[in-house]
């Protein structure tokens, strides 16, 4: 039987006018990321990108998709949403560049209980900043209201990126051999991994994230929301300059060093890593002490201060270090490769 009373979309929990306002607010941020290759304006049904294939003999597209995980909970508590988009971009493009690929474009998906245009703008502004840091274009995405499925003050964000590399220049670790040097690039902190454990350890402190912690030199909230470093530009700089001497790259993401370093190694090559060379970031010491976490578990969960590792030819290591220093990175000689069963040994 048909109801005599009509029900609007707004009464069902979806505010179309808020959607229009969000689009108006985010459009300038999106346009600020555009690079050669972007076709059409923002707002079509599909983002279009025409790659310049000049000089490519056999172009290969490399793609990656990821989210931010429960780091979002910290953004909710602090009501601060302008950096979480950087994390989303970083989680995708830092994976893509491990193959030697240049990220070309990015798309995001934001699902929220309620579309608050000001908050949506802050989120997308962060995505745009991440894209600018990576040199890729934000060419589209989706912002969806999910009333009844998500609390009105919460959202989730995921992203998808596509990059390009010539087939002959793909970095797959196949050329790594005993004697090659392993360099590490420093992380900004926790990046975007291990936050379910972090939140459990800091359960009491989450009630007041604005308290200054002298050991950190900032508030706990500032430390936990510190955005993930994006390594695309410095890595592409040395990949293009040193070619085959950059033999392997691994993004130290979920699973820490034990899971991620072997991903760049060929069979019968083992990495030996000296953790005493790592920068000492207080947040990891606090987590280990407060949570009673064994050292091995820390290195199997967190980046521990090293965001990316690079395997390079021994005779070119100093030149690669100099090139990375010149573009503002802090490369550290943290280990070397040996013959042995594929895997990694961490020396305390």
Protein backbone atom coordinates (compact mmCIF):
# COMPACT_ATOMS: atom_id res chain seq x y z
CA UNK A 1 0.00 0.00 0.00
CA UNK A 2 1.41 3.41 -0.96
CA UNK A 3 2.06 5.87 1.84
CA UNK A 4 0.23 9.17 1.67
CA UNK A 5 3.30 10.96 3.03
CA UNK A 6 6.30 11.47 0.77
CA UNK A 7 9.83 11.04 2.16
CA UNK A 8 12.76 13.10 0.89
CA UNK A 9 16.35 11.91 0.35
CA UNK A 10 17.42 14.38 3.05
CA UNK A 11 15.03 12.76 5.52
CA UNK A 12 16.64 9.43 4.66
CA UNK A 13 19.97 10.88 5.74
CA UNK A 14 21.57 12.05 2.47
CA UNK A 15 21.96 15.79 1.99
CA UNK A 16 22.37 16.48 -1.73
CA UNK A 17 23.00 20.18 -1.17
CA UNK A 18 25.91 19.31 1.13
CA UNK A 19 27.28 17.23 -1.73
CA UNK A 20 27.11 20.20 -4.08
CA UNK A 21 28.85 22.39 -1.50
CA UNK A 22 31.58 19.78 -1.03
CA UNK A 23 32.26 19.62 -4.77
CA UNK A 24 32.50 23.41 -4.89
CA UNK A 25 35.00 23.41 -2.03
CA UNK A 26 37.22 20.54 -3.22
CA UNK A 27 37.46 21.50 -6.91
CA UNK A 28 40.32 24.04 -6.49
CA UNK A 29 42.33 21.48 -4.50
CA UNK A 30 41.88 18.89 -7.23
CA UNK A 31 42.82 21.28 -10.03
CA UNK A 32 46.00 22.22 -8.14
CA UNK A 33 47.32 18.68 -8.68
CA UNK A 34 46.87 18.57 -12.45
CA UNK A 35 49.85 17.75 -14.62
CA UNK A 36 50.33 17.22 -18.35
CA UNK A 37 48.16 14.32 -19.45
CA UNK A 38 45.00 15.23 -17.57
CA UNK A 39 42.05 15.43 -19.98
CA UNK A 40 38.70 17.05 -19.42
CA UNK A 41 37.49 18.97 -16.41
CA UNK A 42 36.63 17.68 -12.98
CA UNK A 43 33.13 16.28 -12.56
CA UNK A 44 32.79 13.81 -15.42
CA UNK A 45 31.82 10.18 -14.97
CA UNK A 46 35.41 9.03 -15.39
CA UNK A 47 38.79 10.62 -14.85
CA UNK A 48 40.83 10.71 -18.05
CA UNK A 49 44.59 10.72 -18.42
CA UNK A 50 46.63 10.51 -21.62
CA UNK A 51 50.20 9.42 -20.81
CA UNK A 52 53.14 10.74 -22.78
CA UNK A 53 54.79 7.56 -24.05
CA UNK A 54 57.65 9.34 -25.79
CA UNK A 55 60.86 7.41 -25.15
CA UNK A 56 59.12 4.30 -23.83
CA UNK A 57 59.97 1.10 -25.66
CA UNK A 58 57.55 -1.09 -23.74
CA UNK A 59 55.45 0.92 -21.23
CA UNK A 60 54.10 -0.94 -18.23
CA UNK A 61 51.39 0.42 -15.96
CA UNK A 62 51.86 -0.22 -12.24
CA UNK A 63 48.88 0.22 -9.91
CA UNK A 64 48.26 0.23 -6.19
CA UNK A 65 45.31 0.65 -3.84
CA UNK A 66 45.28 1.16 -0.09
CA UNK A 67 43.70 2.97 2.81
CA UNK A 68 44.77 4.55 6.07
CA UNK A 69 43.46 1.99 8.54
CA UNK A 70 42.66 2.83 12.14
CA UNK A 71 44.88 5.91 12.14
CA UNK A 72 41.56 7.51 11.19
CA UNK A 73 40.42 7.05 14.77
CA UNK A 74 43.05 9.57 15.89
CA UNK A 75 41.75 12.08 13.33
CA UNK A 76 38.21 11.57 14.67
CA UNK A 77 39.27 12.13 18.27
CA UNK A 78 41.25 15.27 17.41
CA UNK A 79 38.73 16.48 14.83
CA UNK A 80 41.68 17.16 12.54
CA UNK A 81 41.31 15.94 8.98
CA UNK A 82 43.77 17.87 6.79
CA UNK A 83 46.65 15.35 6.82
CA UNK A 84 44.92 11.98 6.64
CA UNK A 85 44.66 12.35 2.85
CA UNK A 86 48.45 12.63 2.63
CA UNK A 87 48.64 9.24 4.33
CA UNK A 88 46.20 7.74 1.85
CA UNK A 89 48.24 8.92 -1.13
CA UNK A 90 51.50 7.83 0.49
CA UNK A 91 50.25 4.31 1.12
CA UNK A 92 49.63 3.89 -2.61
CA UNK A 93 52.43 5.80 -4.33
CA UNK A 94 55.20 4.57 -2.01
CA UNK A 95 54.31 1.05 -3.15
CA UNK A 96 54.22 1.96 -6.83
CA UNK A 97 57.63 3.64 -6.85
CA UNK A 98 59.26 0.46 -5.48
CA UNK A 99 59.00 -0.87 -9.04
CA UNK A 100 60.70 2.24 -10.41
CA UNK A 101 57.36 3.52 -11.69
CA UNK A 102 56.33 7.18 -11.75
CA UNK A 103 52.81 7.66 -10.34
CA UNK A 104 50.66 9.42 -12.95
CA UNK A 105 47.26 9.83 -11.36
CA UNK A 106 45.27 9.09 -8.22
CA UNK A 107 41.60 8.57 -7.33
CA UNK A 108 40.09 8.53 -3.86
CA UNK A 109 36.97 7.09 -2.26
CA UNK A 110 35.54 8.61 0.90
CA UNK A 111 32.60 6.97 2.65
CA UNK A 112 31.06 8.94 5.52
CA UNK A 113 28.08 8.82 7.82
CA UNK A 114 27.29 12.43 7.03
CA UNK A 115 28.77 14.79 4.46
CA UNK A 116 30.07 17.84 6.30
CA UNK A 117 31.43 20.07 3.49
CA UNK A 118 34.10 21.76 5.63
CA UNK A 119 35.45 18.40 6.80
CA UNK A 120 35.27 16.93 3.30
CA UNK A 121 37.30 19.86 2.02
CA UNK A 122 39.98 19.28 4.68
CA UNK A 123 40.21 15.59 3.77
CA UNK A 124 40.51 16.25 0.03
CA UNK A 125 42.97 19.10 0.64
CA UNK A 126 45.21 16.49 2.28
CA UNK A 127 44.80 14.15 -0.67
CA UNK A 128 45.73 17.00 -3.02
CA UNK A 129 48.81 17.82 -0.95
CA UNK A 130 49.89 14.18 -1.10
CA UNK A 131 49.42 14.17 -4.86
CA UNK A 132 51.50 17.33 -5.24
CA UNK A 133 54.26 15.77 -3.16
CA UNK A 134 54.16 12.67 -5.37
CA UNK A 135 53.82 14.60 -8.63
CA UNK A 136 50.64 12.78 -9.63
CA UNK A 137 47.26 14.19 -10.60
CA UNK A 138 44.07 13.76 -8.63
CA UNK A 139 41.66 13.13 -11.50
CA UNK A 140 38.55 11.84 -9.78
CA UNK A 141 36.99 9.97 -6.91
CA UNK A 142 33.81 9.46 -4.97
CA UNK A 143 32.35 10.91 -1.79
CA UNK A 144 29.50 8.79 -0.49
CA UNK A 145 27.14 9.31 2.43
CA UNK A 146 26.22 6.12 4.29
CA UNK A 147 23.56 7.07 6.84
CA UNK A 148 22.68 4.19 9.12
CA UNK A 149 25.89 2.34 8.24
CA UNK A 150 28.45 4.72 9.74
CA UNK A 151 28.31 7.21 12.63
CA UNK A 152 27.73 10.75 11.38
CA UNK A 153 31.13 11.92 12.67
CA UNK A 154 33.16 9.11 11.07
CA UNK A 155 34.39 8.24 7.59
CA UNK A 156 36.73 5.89 5.76
CA UNK A 157 39.11 6.75 2.94
CA UNK A 158 40.85 4.62 0.35
CA UNK A 159 42.82 5.45 -2.76
CA UNK A 160 43.99 4.03 -6.05
CA UNK A 161 46.98 5.13 -8.13
CA UNK A 162 48.47 4.20 -11.50
CA UNK A 163 52.09 4.71 -12.50
CA UNK A 164 54.26 3.93 -15.50
CA UNK A 165 57.69 2.43 -16.08
CA UNK A 166 59.48 1.06 -19.12
CA UNK A 167 59.61 -2.74 -19.01
CA UNK A 168 63.41 -2.75 -19.23
CA UNK A 169 63.61 -0.42 -16.22
CA UNK A 170 61.36 -2.34 -13.83
CA UNK A 171 63.01 -2.75 -10.43
CA UNK A 172 62.25 -6.24 -9.18
CA UNK A 173 65.30 -7.08 -7.07
CA UNK A 174 66.43 -9.75 -9.50
CA UNK A 175 69.90 -8.24 -9.84
CA UNK A 176 70.64 -8.02 -6.12
CA UNK A 177 73.76 -9.99 -5.16
CA UNK A 178 75.98 -10.56 -2.14
CA UNK A 179 77.93 -7.44 -1.26
CA UNK A 180 75.28 -4.97 -2.36
CA UNK A 181 74.64 -2.18 0.13
CA UNK A 182 71.29 -1.50 1.79
CA UNK A 183 70.38 2.13 2.45
CA UNK A 184 67.48 3.37 4.53
CA UNK A 185 65.48 6.58 4.17
CA UNK A 186 64.10 7.90 7.43
CA UNK A 187 60.41 7.81 8.23
CA UNK A 188 58.44 10.67 9.77
CA UNK A 189 57.29 8.38 12.57
CA UNK A 190 54.66 5.66 12.67
CA UNK A 191 53.43 6.41 9.14
CA UNK A 192 50.09 4.54 8.81
CA UNK A 193 50.72 1.06 10.16
CA UNK A 194 50.19 -0.65 13.50
CA UNK A 195 47.57 1.77 14.79
CA UNK A 196 45.29 -0.89 16.25
CA UNK A 197 48.18 -1.83 18.56
CA UNK A 198 49.09 1.82 19.12
CA UNK A 199 45.55 2.68 20.19
CA UNK A 200 45.43 -0.28 22.57
CA UNK A 201 48.70 0.74 24.23
CA UNK A 202 47.68 4.41 24.48
CA UNK A 203 44.06 3.66 25.44
CA UNK A 204 44.16 5.95 28.49
CA UNK A 205 46.08 8.74 26.75
CA UNK A 206 43.59 8.86 23.86
CA UNK A 207 41.21 10.64 26.21
CA UNK A 208 43.43 13.72 26.07
CA UNK A 209 45.63 13.78 22.98
CA UNK A 210 46.43 17.46 23.39
CA UNK A 211 48.69 16.90 26.41
CA UNK A 212 52.29 17.84 25.63
CA UNK A 213 54.72 14.95 26.08
CA UNK A 214 58.29 16.19 26.72
CA UNK A 215 59.75 12.87 25.51
CA UNK A 216 58.12 13.44 22.11
CA UNK A 217 58.63 17.19 21.97
CA UNK A 218 54.98 17.60 20.97
CA UNK A 219 51.53 16.38 21.96
CA UNK A 220 50.71 12.71 21.56
CA UNK A 221 48.01 13.65 19.06
CA UNK A 222 50.48 15.56 16.91
CA UNK A 223 52.85 12.59 16.93
CA UNK A 224 50.17 10.04 16.08
CA UNK A 225 48.76 12.16 13.23
CA UNK A 226 52.16 12.99 11.75
CA UNK A 227 51.69 12.29 8.01
CA UNK A 228 53.51 9.54 6.17
CA UNK A 229 56.60 10.55 4.21
CA UNK A 230 56.16 10.36 0.44
CA UNK A 231 59.38 9.07 -1.14
CA UNK A 232 58.43 9.25 -4.83
CA UNK A 233 60.48 12.23 -6.00
CA UNK A 234 63.79 11.36 -4.26
CA UNK A 235 63.54 7.73 -5.33
CA UNK A 236 62.75 8.56 -8.96
CA UNK A 237 65.65 11.00 -8.90
CA UNK A 238 68.19 8.27 -8.10
CA UNK A 239 66.45 5.60 -10.20
CA UNK A 240 66.72 7.80 -13.29
CA UNK A 241 70.26 8.86 -12.49
CA UNK A 242 71.79 5.53 -11.50
CA UNK A 243 69.69 3.06 -13.48
CA UNK A 244 70.59 -0.57 -12.85
CA UNK A 245 72.70 0.33 -9.82
CA UNK A 246 69.39 0.83 -7.94
CA UNK A 247 68.62 -2.87 -7.65
CA UNK A 248 65.76 -3.10 -5.18
CA UNK A 249 63.37 -0.89 -3.22
CA UNK A 250 61.10 -1.92 -0.37
CA UNK A 251 58.44 0.18 1.34
CA UNK A 252 58.51 -0.58 5.07
CA UNK A 253 54.78 -0.73 5.63
CA UNK A 254 52.54 -3.28 7.41
CA UNK A 255 54.66 -6.17 8.68
CA UNK A 256 57.69 -3.98 9.34
CA UNK A 257 61.17 -5.04 8.33
CA UNK A 258 60.76 -8.79 8.64
CA UNK A 259 57.97 -8.96 6.09
CA UNK A 260 58.86 -6.16 3.69
CA UNK A 261 62.62 -6.35 3.12
CA UNK A 262 62.43 -9.93 1.74
CA UNK A 263 59.87 -8.74 -0.81
CA UNK A 264 62.65 -7.07 -2.80
CA UNK A 265 65.15 -9.95 -2.52
CA UNK A 266 65.78 -12.73 -5.07
CA UNK A 267 66.10 -16.33 -3.99
CA UNK A 268 69.35 -17.26 -2.20
CA UNK A 269 70.05 -13.69 -1.08
CA UNK A 270 69.73 -12.59 2.52
CA UNK A 271 69.72 -9.06 3.97
CA UNK A 272 71.72 -8.27 7.08
CA UNK A 273 70.44 -5.12 8.83
CA UNK A 274 72.17 -3.27 11.67
CA UNK A 275 69.39 -1.68 13.72
CA UNK A 276 71.90 0.37 15.73
CA UNK A 277 72.13 2.59 12.63
CA UNK A 278 68.42 3.45 12.78
CA UNK A 279 67.39 6.93 13.95
CA UNK A 280 66.06 6.82 17.49
CA UNK A 281 62.49 8.08 17.36
CA UNK A 282 61.03 8.33 20.87
CA UNK A 283 57.54 7.16 19.90
CA UNK A 284 58.85 3.63 19.23
CA UNK A 285 60.68 3.48 22.57
CA UNK A 286 57.53 4.62 24.38
CA UNK A 287 55.40 2.01 22.64
CA UNK A 288 57.84 -0.80 23.37
CA UNK A 289 58.22 0.16 27.02
CA UNK A 290 54.57 0.94 27.75
CA UNK A 291 53.27 -2.08 25.85
CA UNK A 292 55.98 -4.50 26.94
CA UNK A 293 56.54 -5.38 23.29
CA UNK A 294 59.56 -7.60 22.49
CA UNK A 295 62.12 -6.04 20.15
CA UNK A 296 61.50 -8.55 17.37
CA UNK A 297 57.77 -7.81 17.44
CA UNK A 298 58.46 -4.09 17.19
CA UNK A 299 60.46 -4.64 13.99
CA UNK A 300 57.76 -6.97 12.70
CA UNK A 301 55.05 -4.32 13.18
CA UNK A 302 56.52 -0.84 12.79
CA UNK A 303 59.01 0.88 10.49
CA UNK A 304 61.16 1.81 13.53
CA UNK A 305 62.38 5.00 11.88
CA UNK A 306 63.18 3.69 8.39
CA UNK A 307 60.44 4.27 5.81
CA UNK A 308 62.09 2.80 2.71
CA UNK A 309 65.12 0.59 2.08
CA UNK A 310 67.14 0.55 -1.14
CA UNK A 311 69.59 -2.08 -2.37
CA UNK A 312 72.40 -0.49 -4.40
CA UNK A 313 75.67 -1.59 -5.97
CA UNK A 314 78.48 -1.37 -3.44
CA UNK A 315 80.69 0.76 -5.67
CA UNK A 316 77.89 3.29 -6.22
CA UNK A 317 76.61 3.54 -2.65
CA UNK A 318 78.45 6.77 -1.79
CA UNK A 319 77.27 8.46 -4.99
CA UNK A 320 73.65 7.43 -4.31
CA UNK A 321 73.91 8.72 -0.74
CA UNK A 322 75.22 12.07 -2.00
CA UNK A 323 72.41 12.33 -4.56
CA UNK A 324 69.76 11.64 -1.90
CA UNK A 325 71.30 14.15 0.48
CA UNK A 326 71.19 16.74 -2.31
CA UNK A 327 67.40 16.41 -2.58
CA UNK A 328 66.81 16.66 1.16
CA UNK A 329 66.65 13.02 2.20
CA UNK A 330 68.63 11.47 5.06
CA UNK A 331 69.99 8.18 3.69
CA UNK A 332 71.64 5.81 6.16
CA UNK A 333 73.85 2.82 5.39
CA UNK A 334 71.97 0.20 7.43
CA UNK A 335 73.13 -3.12 6.00
CA UNK A 336 74.29 -5.33 3.18
CA UNK A 337 73.31 -8.43 1.23
CA UNK A 338 74.82 -11.88 1.67
CA UNK A 339 74.42 -15.33 0.14
CA UNK A 340 71.90 -17.45 2.00
CA UNK A 341 68.27 -18.38 2.30
CA UNK A 342 66.01 -15.52 1.21
CA UNK A 343 65.13 -13.47 4.26
CA UNK A 344 66.45 -10.86 6.67
CA UNK A 345 68.60 -10.88 9.78
CA UNK A 346 68.30 -7.91 12.12
CA UNK A 347 71.27 -7.26 14.40
CA UNK A 348 70.49 -5.39 17.63
